[in-house]
N, C-alpha and C. Protein backbone atom coordinates (compact mmCIF):
# COMPACT_ATOMS: atom_id res chain seq x y z
N MET A 1 -22.43 -9.12 -30.58
CA MET A 1 -22.64 -9.06 -29.02
C MET A 1 -21.35 -8.69 -28.42
N SER A 2 -21.39 -7.62 -27.58
CA SER A 2 -20.10 -7.14 -26.87
C SER A 2 -19.73 -7.93 -25.80
N GLN A 3 -18.44 -8.01 -25.45
CA GLN A 3 -17.88 -8.75 -24.40
C GLN A 3 -17.96 -7.91 -23.11
N PRO A 4 -18.27 -8.41 -21.83
CA PRO A 4 -18.26 -7.57 -20.75
C PRO A 4 -16.82 -7.16 -20.44
N PRO A 5 -16.78 -5.98 -19.77
CA PRO A 5 -15.38 -5.45 -19.48
C PRO A 5 -14.68 -6.55 -18.57
N ALA A 6 -13.22 -6.50 -18.76
CA ALA A 6 -12.42 -7.40 -17.97
C ALA A 6 -12.42 -7.03 -16.56
N VAL A 7 -12.22 -8.03 -15.62
CA VAL A 7 -12.04 -7.67 -14.17
C VAL A 7 -10.89 -8.51 -13.83
N TYR A 8 -10.16 -8.10 -12.74
CA TYR A 8 -9.08 -8.75 -12.17
C TYR A 8 -9.57 -10.02 -11.55
N SER A 9 -8.71 -10.98 -11.27
CA SER A 9 -9.03 -12.20 -10.44
C SER A 9 -9.47 -11.92 -9.02
N ASN A 10 -10.04 -12.88 -8.44
CA ASN A 10 -10.53 -12.72 -6.99
C ASN A 10 -9.15 -12.56 -6.10
N VAL A 11 -8.15 -13.15 -6.46
CA VAL A 11 -6.80 -13.11 -5.68
C VAL A 11 -6.37 -11.62 -5.70
N ALA A 12 -6.26 -11.04 -7.06
CA ALA A 12 -5.69 -9.79 -7.21
C ALA A 12 -6.70 -8.68 -6.54
N ILE A 13 -7.97 -8.91 -6.63
CA ILE A 13 -8.91 -7.91 -6.08
C ILE A 13 -8.76 -8.07 -4.47
N ALA A 14 -8.74 -9.19 -3.95
CA ALA A 14 -8.60 -9.40 -2.50
C ALA A 14 -7.31 -8.73 -1.99
N LEU A 15 -6.21 -9.03 -2.66
CA LEU A 15 -4.92 -8.41 -2.22
C LEU A 15 -5.03 -6.85 -2.22
N HIS A 16 -5.53 -6.43 -3.34
CA HIS A 16 -5.67 -4.91 -3.56
C HIS A 16 -6.38 -4.30 -2.22
N TRP A 17 -7.63 -4.93 -1.98
CA TRP A 17 -8.42 -4.22 -1.01
C TRP A 17 -7.91 -4.56 0.42
N ILE A 18 -7.35 -5.70 0.67
CA ILE A 18 -6.77 -5.96 1.98
C ILE A 18 -5.54 -5.01 2.19
N ILE A 19 -4.65 -4.85 1.26
CA ILE A 19 -3.47 -3.89 1.39
C ILE A 19 -4.09 -2.47 1.54
N ALA A 20 -5.02 -2.05 0.79
CA ALA A 20 -5.52 -0.78 0.88
C ALA A 20 -6.14 -0.47 2.33
N LEU A 21 -6.92 -1.39 2.78
CA LEU A 21 -7.55 -1.21 4.06
C LEU A 21 -6.49 -1.20 5.16
N MET A 22 -5.61 -2.11 5.08
CA MET A 22 -4.46 -2.17 6.08
C MET A 22 -3.61 -0.81 6.02
N ALA A 23 -3.29 -0.39 4.83
CA ALA A 23 -2.55 0.83 4.71
C ALA A 23 -3.29 2.04 5.39
N LEU A 24 -4.56 2.11 5.17
CA LEU A 24 -5.32 3.14 5.72
C LEU A 24 -5.31 2.99 7.29
N GLY A 25 -5.39 1.77 7.73
CA GLY A 25 -5.43 1.46 9.08
C GLY A 25 -4.04 1.81 9.77
N GLN A 26 -2.94 1.81 8.95
CA GLN A 26 -1.70 2.21 9.48
C GLN A 26 -1.67 3.69 9.89
N ILE A 27 -2.37 4.51 9.07
CA ILE A 27 -2.54 5.85 9.31
C ILE A 27 -3.19 6.10 10.74
N GLY A 28 -4.30 5.47 10.98
CA GLY A 28 -5.06 5.56 12.30
C GLY A 28 -4.18 5.07 13.37
N LEU A 29 -3.35 4.04 13.22
CA LEU A 29 -2.56 3.55 14.28
C LEU A 29 -1.48 4.47 14.63
N VAL A 30 -0.87 5.12 13.69
CA VAL A 30 0.16 6.23 13.86
C VAL A 30 -0.46 7.37 14.66
N MET A 31 -1.65 7.80 14.23
CA MET A 31 -2.42 8.86 14.92
C MET A 31 -2.71 8.50 16.38
N ALA A 32 -3.13 7.31 16.60
CA ALA A 32 -3.46 6.82 17.87
C ALA A 32 -2.20 6.78 18.79
N HIS A 33 -1.05 6.25 18.24
CA HIS A 33 0.21 6.24 18.92
C HIS A 33 0.64 7.71 19.44
N ASP A 34 0.51 8.43 18.40
CA ASP A 34 0.96 9.92 18.70
C ASP A 34 0.00 10.61 19.79
N ALA A 35 -1.27 10.30 19.79
CA ALA A 35 -2.17 10.79 20.76
C ALA A 35 -2.25 10.25 22.15
N THR A 36 -1.45 9.07 22.32
CA THR A 36 -1.50 8.45 23.68
C THR A 36 -0.12 8.30 24.14
N GLU A 37 -0.03 7.87 25.43
CA GLU A 37 1.23 7.63 26.08
C GLU A 37 1.20 6.33 26.83
N GLY A 38 2.39 5.73 27.23
CA GLY A 38 2.45 4.53 28.04
C GLY A 38 2.15 3.31 27.27
N PRO A 39 1.49 2.34 28.04
CA PRO A 39 1.28 1.05 27.36
C PRO A 39 0.33 1.12 26.08
N ALA A 40 -0.68 1.89 26.10
CA ALA A 40 -1.56 2.06 24.93
C ALA A 40 -0.82 2.49 23.69
N SER A 41 0.17 3.45 23.94
CA SER A 41 0.99 3.98 22.82
C SER A 41 1.91 2.81 22.24
N ALA A 42 2.42 2.11 23.16
CA ALA A 42 3.28 1.00 22.65
C ALA A 42 2.51 -0.10 21.96
N GLN A 43 1.33 -0.30 22.44
CA GLN A 43 0.47 -1.29 21.72
C GLN A 43 0.04 -0.83 20.34
N PHE A 44 -0.23 0.45 20.17
CA PHE A 44 -0.50 0.96 18.90
C PHE A 44 0.68 0.88 17.98
N MET A 45 1.89 1.14 18.48
CA MET A 45 3.14 0.96 17.76
C MET A 45 3.42 -0.44 17.26
N MET A 46 3.17 -1.36 18.23
CA MET A 46 3.36 -2.79 17.94
C MET A 46 2.46 -3.18 16.87
N LEU A 47 1.20 -2.78 16.81
CA LEU A 47 0.26 -3.10 15.81
C LEU A 47 0.67 -2.43 14.46
N HIS A 48 1.27 -1.15 14.51
CA HIS A 48 1.56 -0.54 13.37
C HIS A 48 2.85 -1.20 12.73
N LYS A 49 3.80 -1.57 13.48
CA LYS A 49 4.91 -2.37 12.96
C LYS A 49 4.49 -3.78 12.35
N SER A 50 3.59 -4.41 13.05
CA SER A 50 3.11 -5.60 12.59
C SER A 50 2.31 -5.53 11.17
N GLY A 51 1.48 -4.50 11.22
CA GLY A 51 0.72 -4.12 9.98
C GLY A 51 1.61 -3.90 8.89
N GLY A 52 2.68 -3.07 9.02
CA GLY A 52 3.66 -2.65 8.02
C GLY A 52 4.32 -3.83 7.41
N LEU A 53 4.87 -4.75 8.31
CA LEU A 53 5.37 -5.96 7.71
C LEU A 53 4.50 -6.88 7.08
N THR A 54 3.24 -6.98 7.58
CA THR A 54 2.18 -7.75 6.78
C THR A 54 1.99 -7.07 5.42
N ILE A 55 1.92 -5.76 5.42
CA ILE A 55 1.68 -5.10 4.11
C ILE A 55 2.93 -5.40 3.20
N LEU A 56 4.00 -5.45 3.76
CA LEU A 56 5.23 -5.74 2.92
C LEU A 56 5.00 -7.12 2.25
N VAL A 57 4.79 -8.15 3.07
CA VAL A 57 4.64 -9.58 2.67
C VAL A 57 3.49 -9.64 1.52
N LEU A 58 2.25 -9.04 1.95
CA LEU A 58 1.20 -9.06 0.99
C LEU A 58 1.50 -8.26 -0.33
N THR A 59 2.16 -7.24 -0.28
CA THR A 59 2.53 -6.46 -1.48
C THR A 59 3.59 -7.30 -2.33
N LEU A 60 4.48 -7.94 -1.62
CA LEU A 60 5.35 -8.92 -2.50
C LEU A 60 4.52 -9.99 -3.10
N ALA A 61 3.56 -10.57 -2.41
CA ALA A 61 2.62 -11.60 -2.99
C ALA A 61 1.91 -10.96 -4.07
N ARG A 62 1.40 -9.69 -3.99
CA ARG A 62 0.63 -9.13 -4.99
C ARG A 62 1.38 -8.93 -6.19
N LEU A 63 2.66 -8.39 -6.02
CA LEU A 63 3.56 -8.22 -7.14
C LEU A 63 3.88 -9.53 -7.91
N ALA A 64 4.06 -10.60 -7.11
CA ALA A 64 4.29 -11.98 -7.74
C ALA A 64 3.06 -12.33 -8.57
N TRP A 65 1.86 -12.14 -7.96
CA TRP A 65 0.64 -12.45 -8.61
C TRP A 65 0.46 -11.60 -9.85
N ARG A 66 0.90 -10.36 -9.79
CA ARG A 66 0.77 -9.37 -10.97
C ARG A 66 1.58 -9.94 -12.11
N PHE A 67 2.80 -10.62 -11.84
CA PHE A 67 3.48 -11.17 -12.96
C PHE A 67 2.91 -12.45 -13.41
N ARG A 68 2.12 -13.15 -12.63
CA ARG A 68 1.42 -14.35 -13.12
C ARG A 68 0.22 -14.10 -13.88
N GLU A 69 -0.43 -13.07 -13.49
CA GLU A 69 -1.79 -12.74 -14.07
C GLU A 69 -1.68 -11.68 -15.18
N PRO A 70 -2.31 -11.83 -16.35
CA PRO A 70 -2.22 -10.74 -17.36
C PRO A 70 -2.65 -9.45 -16.89
N TRP A 71 -1.96 -8.29 -17.41
CA TRP A 71 -2.32 -6.98 -17.14
C TRP A 71 -3.54 -6.63 -18.03
N ILE A 72 -4.51 -5.88 -17.53
CA ILE A 72 -5.58 -5.51 -18.25
C ILE A 72 -5.29 -4.09 -18.77
N ALA A 73 -5.26 -3.97 -20.14
CA ALA A 73 -4.88 -2.71 -20.71
C ALA A 73 -5.97 -1.65 -20.46
N PRO A 74 -5.39 -0.30 -20.30
CA PRO A 74 -6.38 0.72 -20.17
C PRO A 74 -7.22 0.86 -21.35
N PRO A 75 -8.43 1.60 -21.18
CA PRO A 75 -9.30 1.79 -22.31
C PRO A 75 -8.58 2.41 -23.52
N ALA A 76 -8.97 2.04 -24.76
CA ALA A 76 -8.37 2.64 -25.98
C ALA A 76 -8.60 4.06 -26.04
N SER A 77 -9.63 4.57 -25.43
CA SER A 77 -9.94 6.04 -25.30
C SER A 77 -8.99 6.90 -24.46
N MET A 78 -8.27 6.10 -23.69
CA MET A 78 -7.53 6.87 -22.63
C MET A 78 -6.25 7.53 -23.25
N PRO A 79 -6.02 8.83 -23.23
CA PRO A 79 -4.87 9.50 -23.85
C PRO A 79 -3.63 9.07 -23.22
N GLY A 80 -2.53 9.16 -24.08
CA GLY A 80 -1.22 8.53 -23.70
C GLY A 80 -0.74 9.18 -22.40
N TRP A 81 -0.89 10.49 -22.28
CA TRP A 81 -0.33 11.05 -20.98
C TRP A 81 -1.10 10.49 -19.80
N GLN A 82 -2.32 10.18 -19.85
CA GLN A 82 -3.03 9.53 -18.74
C GLN A 82 -2.48 8.11 -18.50
N ARG A 83 -2.25 7.34 -19.50
CA ARG A 83 -1.68 6.10 -19.37
C ARG A 83 -0.26 6.14 -18.62
N TRP A 84 0.59 7.13 -19.11
CA TRP A 84 1.82 7.26 -18.52
C TRP A 84 1.63 7.54 -16.92
N ILE A 85 0.68 8.41 -16.64
CA ILE A 85 0.55 8.82 -15.16
C ILE A 85 -0.03 7.62 -14.49
N SER A 86 -0.95 6.94 -15.03
CA SER A 86 -1.42 5.64 -14.35
C SER A 86 -0.48 4.67 -14.14
N ARG A 87 0.46 4.44 -15.06
CA ARG A 87 1.46 3.40 -14.81
C ARG A 87 2.51 3.89 -13.79
N GLY A 88 2.73 5.23 -13.88
CA GLY A 88 3.72 5.81 -12.81
C GLY A 88 3.11 5.79 -11.37
N VAL A 89 1.82 6.04 -11.22
CA VAL A 89 1.13 5.93 -9.83
C VAL A 89 1.24 4.48 -9.43
N HIS A 90 0.99 3.52 -10.30
CA HIS A 90 0.89 2.01 -9.98
C HIS A 90 2.41 1.66 -9.38
N VAL A 91 3.30 2.05 -10.28
CA VAL A 91 4.70 1.72 -9.90
C VAL A 91 5.18 2.39 -8.64
N ALA A 92 4.67 3.66 -8.46
CA ALA A 92 5.07 4.32 -7.14
C ALA A 92 4.32 3.74 -6.01
N PHE A 93 3.13 3.25 -6.14
CA PHE A 93 2.48 2.50 -5.01
C PHE A 93 3.23 1.32 -4.72
N TYR A 94 3.68 0.53 -5.60
CA TYR A 94 4.38 -0.69 -5.27
C TYR A 94 5.71 -0.39 -4.65
N ALA A 95 6.35 0.56 -5.10
CA ALA A 95 7.61 1.13 -4.45
C ALA A 95 7.41 1.50 -2.92
N VAL A 96 6.45 2.37 -2.78
CA VAL A 96 6.20 2.81 -1.42
C VAL A 96 5.74 1.69 -0.53
N LEU A 97 4.90 0.84 -1.00
CA LEU A 97 4.45 -0.23 -0.17
C LEU A 97 5.43 -1.26 0.22
N ILE A 98 6.54 -1.30 -0.59
CA ILE A 98 7.65 -2.15 -0.32
C ILE A 98 8.67 -1.33 0.57
N LEU A 99 9.13 -0.23 0.19
CA LEU A 99 10.16 0.61 0.77
C LEU A 99 9.80 1.18 2.13
N MET A 100 8.48 1.57 2.26
CA MET A 100 8.08 2.17 3.53
C MET A 100 8.16 1.18 4.78
N PRO A 101 7.66 -0.14 4.54
CA PRO A 101 7.91 -1.14 5.60
C PRO A 101 9.35 -1.53 5.72
N LEU A 102 10.13 -1.55 4.73
CA LEU A 102 11.51 -1.81 4.82
C LEU A 102 12.21 -0.75 5.68
N GLY A 103 11.86 0.39 5.37
CA GLY A 103 12.37 1.60 6.23
C GLY A 103 12.05 1.53 7.63
N GLY A 104 10.85 1.27 7.98
CA GLY A 104 10.44 1.07 9.39
C GLY A 104 11.19 -0.13 10.07
N TRP A 105 11.26 -1.26 9.29
CA TRP A 105 11.95 -2.42 9.82
C TRP A 105 13.43 -2.12 10.09
N ALA A 106 14.08 -1.36 9.05
CA ALA A 106 15.49 -1.06 9.20
C ALA A 106 15.64 -0.08 10.40
N ALA A 107 14.74 0.85 10.64
CA ALA A 107 14.89 1.84 11.69
C ALA A 107 14.83 1.13 13.05
N SER A 108 13.89 0.11 13.15
CA SER A 108 13.71 -0.65 14.43
C SER A 108 15.01 -1.44 14.56
N SER A 109 15.53 -2.00 13.45
CA SER A 109 16.80 -2.89 13.55
C SER A 109 17.87 -2.09 14.01
N ALA A 110 18.09 -0.88 13.43
CA ALA A 110 19.33 -0.06 13.79
C ALA A 110 19.15 0.37 15.18
N ALA A 111 18.00 0.67 15.69
CA ALA A 111 17.77 1.09 17.12
C ALA A 111 17.83 -0.14 18.09
N GLY A 112 17.80 -1.30 17.64
CA GLY A 112 17.85 -2.52 18.41
C GLY A 112 16.47 -2.60 19.10
N ARG A 113 15.35 -2.24 18.55
CA ARG A 113 14.07 -2.36 19.10
C ARG A 113 13.35 -3.55 18.50
N ASP A 114 12.98 -4.43 19.41
CA ASP A 114 12.23 -5.57 18.97
C ASP A 114 11.02 -5.37 18.26
N ILE A 115 10.61 -6.24 17.31
CA ILE A 115 9.32 -6.17 16.61
C ILE A 115 8.60 -7.41 17.04
N LEU A 116 7.50 -7.21 17.82
CA LEU A 116 6.63 -8.38 18.22
C LEU A 116 5.50 -8.39 17.30
N TRP A 117 5.51 -9.30 16.40
CA TRP A 117 4.52 -9.47 15.30
C TRP A 117 3.15 -9.85 15.95
N TYR A 118 2.21 -8.86 16.03
CA TYR A 118 0.91 -9.07 16.61
C TYR A 118 0.81 -9.72 17.85
N GLY A 119 1.89 -9.63 18.68
CA GLY A 119 2.06 -10.18 20.00
C GLY A 119 2.36 -11.68 19.95
N LEU A 120 2.65 -12.21 18.71
CA LEU A 120 2.73 -13.69 18.62
C LEU A 120 4.19 -14.16 18.63
N PHE A 121 5.09 -13.36 17.96
CA PHE A 121 6.49 -13.88 17.95
C PHE A 121 7.41 -12.61 17.58
N GLN A 122 8.62 -12.83 17.88
CA GLN A 122 9.59 -11.80 17.56
C GLN A 122 9.94 -11.84 16.08
N TRP A 123 9.72 -10.80 15.26
CA TRP A 123 10.10 -10.62 13.89
C TRP A 123 11.63 -10.49 13.97
N PRO A 124 12.38 -11.18 13.07
CA PRO A 124 13.83 -10.99 13.14
C PRO A 124 14.21 -9.56 12.71
N LEU A 125 15.21 -9.01 13.43
CA LEU A 125 15.71 -7.70 13.03
C LEU A 125 16.74 -7.84 11.95
N LEU A 126 16.94 -6.82 11.13
CA LEU A 126 17.91 -6.81 10.06
C LEU A 126 19.19 -6.61 10.62
N PRO A 127 20.33 -7.17 10.07
CA PRO A 127 21.61 -6.87 10.59
C PRO A 127 22.14 -5.48 10.37
N ILE A 128 21.50 -4.44 11.01
CA ILE A 128 21.90 -2.99 10.82
C ILE A 128 22.30 -2.44 12.16
N GLU A 129 23.26 -1.77 12.25
CA GLU A 129 23.68 -1.20 13.46
C GLU A 129 23.72 0.32 13.24
N GLY A 130 24.08 1.07 14.30
CA GLY A 130 24.27 2.43 14.09
C GLY A 130 23.57 3.30 15.21
N GLY A 131 22.58 2.65 15.90
CA GLY A 131 21.86 3.23 16.92
C GLY A 131 20.83 4.24 16.50
N ARG A 132 20.53 5.16 17.33
CA ARG A 132 19.35 6.23 17.07
C ARG A 132 19.74 7.06 15.84
N GLU A 133 21.03 7.40 15.54
CA GLU A 133 21.34 8.25 14.47
C GLU A 133 20.93 7.56 13.16
N VAL A 134 21.25 6.35 13.03
CA VAL A 134 20.96 5.58 11.75
C VAL A 134 19.54 5.26 11.69
N ALA A 135 18.91 4.90 12.89
CA ALA A 135 17.45 4.69 12.92
C ALA A 135 16.60 5.96 12.50
N ARG A 136 17.07 7.16 12.91
CA ARG A 136 16.47 8.46 12.65
C ARG A 136 16.62 8.63 11.01
N ALA A 137 17.60 8.36 10.42
CA ALA A 137 17.76 8.52 9.04
C ALA A 137 16.75 7.60 8.23
N PHE A 138 16.70 6.32 8.79
CA PHE A 138 15.67 5.43 8.18
C PHE A 138 14.26 5.93 8.45
N MET A 139 13.95 6.51 9.60
CA MET A 139 12.56 7.00 9.87
C MET A 139 12.38 8.21 8.91
N ASN A 140 13.31 9.06 8.73
CA ASN A 140 13.03 10.15 7.83
C ASN A 140 12.58 9.71 6.42
N GLY A 141 13.32 8.64 5.91
CA GLY A 141 12.85 8.10 4.70
C GLY A 141 11.48 7.50 4.83
N HIS A 142 11.20 6.72 5.89
CA HIS A 142 9.83 6.19 6.13
C HIS A 142 8.73 7.23 6.14
N GLU A 143 9.04 8.41 6.83
CA GLU A 143 8.05 9.56 6.92
C GLU A 143 7.90 10.22 5.56
N LEU A 144 8.99 10.37 4.81
CA LEU A 144 8.94 11.00 3.41
C LEU A 144 8.00 10.00 2.55
N ALA A 145 8.23 8.80 2.63
CA ALA A 145 7.46 7.76 1.88
C ALA A 145 6.05 7.88 2.28
N ALA A 146 5.73 8.10 3.56
CA ALA A 146 4.30 8.19 3.99
C ALA A 146 3.60 9.45 3.32
N LYS A 147 4.38 10.59 3.29
CA LYS A 147 3.85 11.76 2.51
C LYS A 147 3.53 11.46 1.01
N LEU A 148 4.50 10.82 0.41
CA LEU A 148 4.24 10.41 -0.92
C LEU A 148 3.08 9.56 -1.09
N PHE A 149 2.89 8.64 -0.14
CA PHE A 149 1.82 7.69 -0.12
C PHE A 149 0.41 8.51 -0.03
N TYR A 150 0.33 9.49 0.81
CA TYR A 150 -0.90 10.28 0.92
C TYR A 150 -1.17 10.96 -0.48
N VAL A 151 -0.24 11.41 -1.15
CA VAL A 151 -0.38 11.99 -2.44
C VAL A 151 -0.91 10.94 -3.48
N LEU A 152 -0.28 9.77 -3.41
CA LEU A 152 -0.71 8.70 -4.35
C LEU A 152 -2.14 8.25 -4.07
N ILE A 153 -2.45 8.19 -2.83
CA ILE A 153 -3.92 7.84 -2.48
C ILE A 153 -4.84 8.82 -3.20
N VAL A 154 -4.52 10.13 -2.89
CA VAL A 154 -5.54 11.19 -3.44
C VAL A 154 -5.53 11.07 -5.03
N VAL A 155 -4.47 10.93 -5.63
CA VAL A 155 -4.46 10.87 -7.04
C VAL A 155 -5.23 9.51 -7.57
N HIS A 156 -5.02 8.47 -6.89
CA HIS A 156 -5.68 7.10 -7.27
C HIS A 156 -7.15 7.27 -7.00
N ILE A 157 -7.59 7.83 -5.95
CA ILE A 157 -9.08 7.99 -5.73
C ILE A 157 -9.62 8.95 -6.78
N LEU A 158 -9.03 10.08 -6.93
CA LEU A 158 -9.51 11.12 -7.87
C LEU A 158 -9.66 10.39 -9.29
N ALA A 159 -8.62 9.71 -9.69
CA ALA A 159 -8.65 9.05 -11.00
C ALA A 159 -9.72 7.90 -11.04
N ALA A 160 -9.98 7.23 -10.05
CA ALA A 160 -11.06 6.24 -9.98
C ALA A 160 -12.42 6.95 -10.19
N LEU A 161 -12.53 8.01 -9.47
CA LEU A 161 -13.83 8.76 -9.47
C LEU A 161 -14.05 9.32 -10.89
N LYS A 162 -12.94 9.90 -11.53
CA LYS A 162 -13.01 10.40 -12.89
C LYS A 162 -13.45 9.32 -13.84
N HIS A 163 -12.83 8.07 -13.74
CA HIS A 163 -13.14 7.02 -14.60
C HIS A 163 -14.70 6.51 -14.49
N GLN A 164 -15.14 6.56 -13.23
CA GLN A 164 -16.38 6.10 -12.81
C GLN A 164 -17.55 7.06 -13.32
N PHE A 165 -17.37 8.35 -12.96
CA PHE A 165 -18.47 9.31 -13.12
C PHE A 165 -18.26 10.18 -14.33
N ILE A 166 -17.08 10.35 -14.95
CA ILE A 166 -16.90 11.27 -15.92
C ILE A 166 -16.61 10.52 -17.26
N ASP A 167 -15.73 9.57 -17.28
CA ASP A 167 -15.38 8.74 -18.45
C ASP A 167 -16.43 7.65 -18.67
N ARG A 168 -16.89 7.07 -17.50
CA ARG A 168 -17.85 6.06 -17.54
C ARG A 168 -17.30 4.84 -18.38
N ASP A 169 -16.08 4.39 -18.23
CA ASP A 169 -15.40 3.40 -18.94
C ASP A 169 -15.12 2.10 -18.28
N ASN A 170 -15.81 1.79 -17.22
CA ASN A 170 -15.69 0.51 -16.38
C ASN A 170 -14.34 0.31 -15.85
N VAL A 171 -13.51 1.19 -15.78
CA VAL A 171 -12.15 0.89 -15.26
C VAL A 171 -12.38 0.59 -13.70
N VAL A 172 -13.18 1.14 -12.97
CA VAL A 172 -13.29 1.00 -11.53
C VAL A 172 -13.84 -0.53 -11.32
N ARG A 173 -14.73 -0.87 -12.34
CA ARG A 173 -15.36 -2.28 -12.19
C ARG A 173 -14.31 -3.32 -12.11
N ARG A 174 -13.13 -3.06 -12.70
CA ARG A 174 -12.12 -4.08 -12.61
C ARG A 174 -11.68 -4.50 -11.23
N MET A 175 -11.83 -3.66 -10.28
CA MET A 175 -11.49 -3.92 -8.93
C MET A 175 -12.73 -4.00 -8.00
N LEU A 176 -13.83 -3.59 -8.60
CA LEU A 176 -15.19 -3.74 -7.92
C LEU A 176 -16.14 -4.33 -8.94
N PRO A 177 -15.98 -5.74 -9.15
CA PRO A 177 -16.82 -6.38 -10.19
C PRO A 177 -18.39 -6.34 -9.91
N PHE A 178 -18.75 -6.02 -8.71
CA PHE A 178 -20.16 -5.97 -8.43
C PHE A 178 -20.85 -4.72 -9.02
N LEU A 179 -20.00 -3.76 -9.44
CA LEU A 179 -20.56 -2.49 -10.03
C LEU A 179 -21.22 -2.88 -11.39
N PRO A 180 -22.39 -2.34 -11.89
CA PRO A 180 -22.95 -2.61 -13.05
C PRO A 180 -22.01 -2.18 -14.15
N THR A 181 -22.09 -2.78 -15.31
CA THR A 181 -21.33 -2.34 -16.53
C THR A 181 -21.95 -1.06 -17.02
N ARG A 182 -21.08 -0.09 -17.38
CA ARG A 182 -21.55 1.01 -17.90
C ARG A 182 -21.41 0.99 -19.44
N ASP A 183 -22.31 1.57 -20.23
CA ASP A 183 -22.30 1.59 -21.59
C ASP A 183 -21.67 2.88 -22.17
């Protein structure tokens, strides 16, 4: 009797999907900010900064959980080069999901711009000075990380679709356990 494919814990799955949805929401908030002016634009930016810091905290929690929970090995049929790319994409996701919010936080701190977390309280600024010039340097890094993030999203989704519809190897089921097991 064969054993059903392994799935990640509910905590790992929840953190994955919450972070993914929030990260996609960040893109929408930046687009809304860029398309508006005045108080609405400021509101979108406040939500964007709050979301970024929340993603930072959740990503650190997910990383901590990842060290607590055993890693599920890729299918034995997966070629070595695909394993290498898969590992690289996952490491890059963690790096971007940590460094991008840190860059935005550092930019706000260097510029002396308050961060009002979801309108509830002032998030502490980092002890960084330098004004607009230093803030711009951090924002350049933040924007570069966003471009890398877009590439990672596309690669991740295409890989998931390949596993689901071409390889039919139950890899996607690890994060979507309601999917039927494929033979």
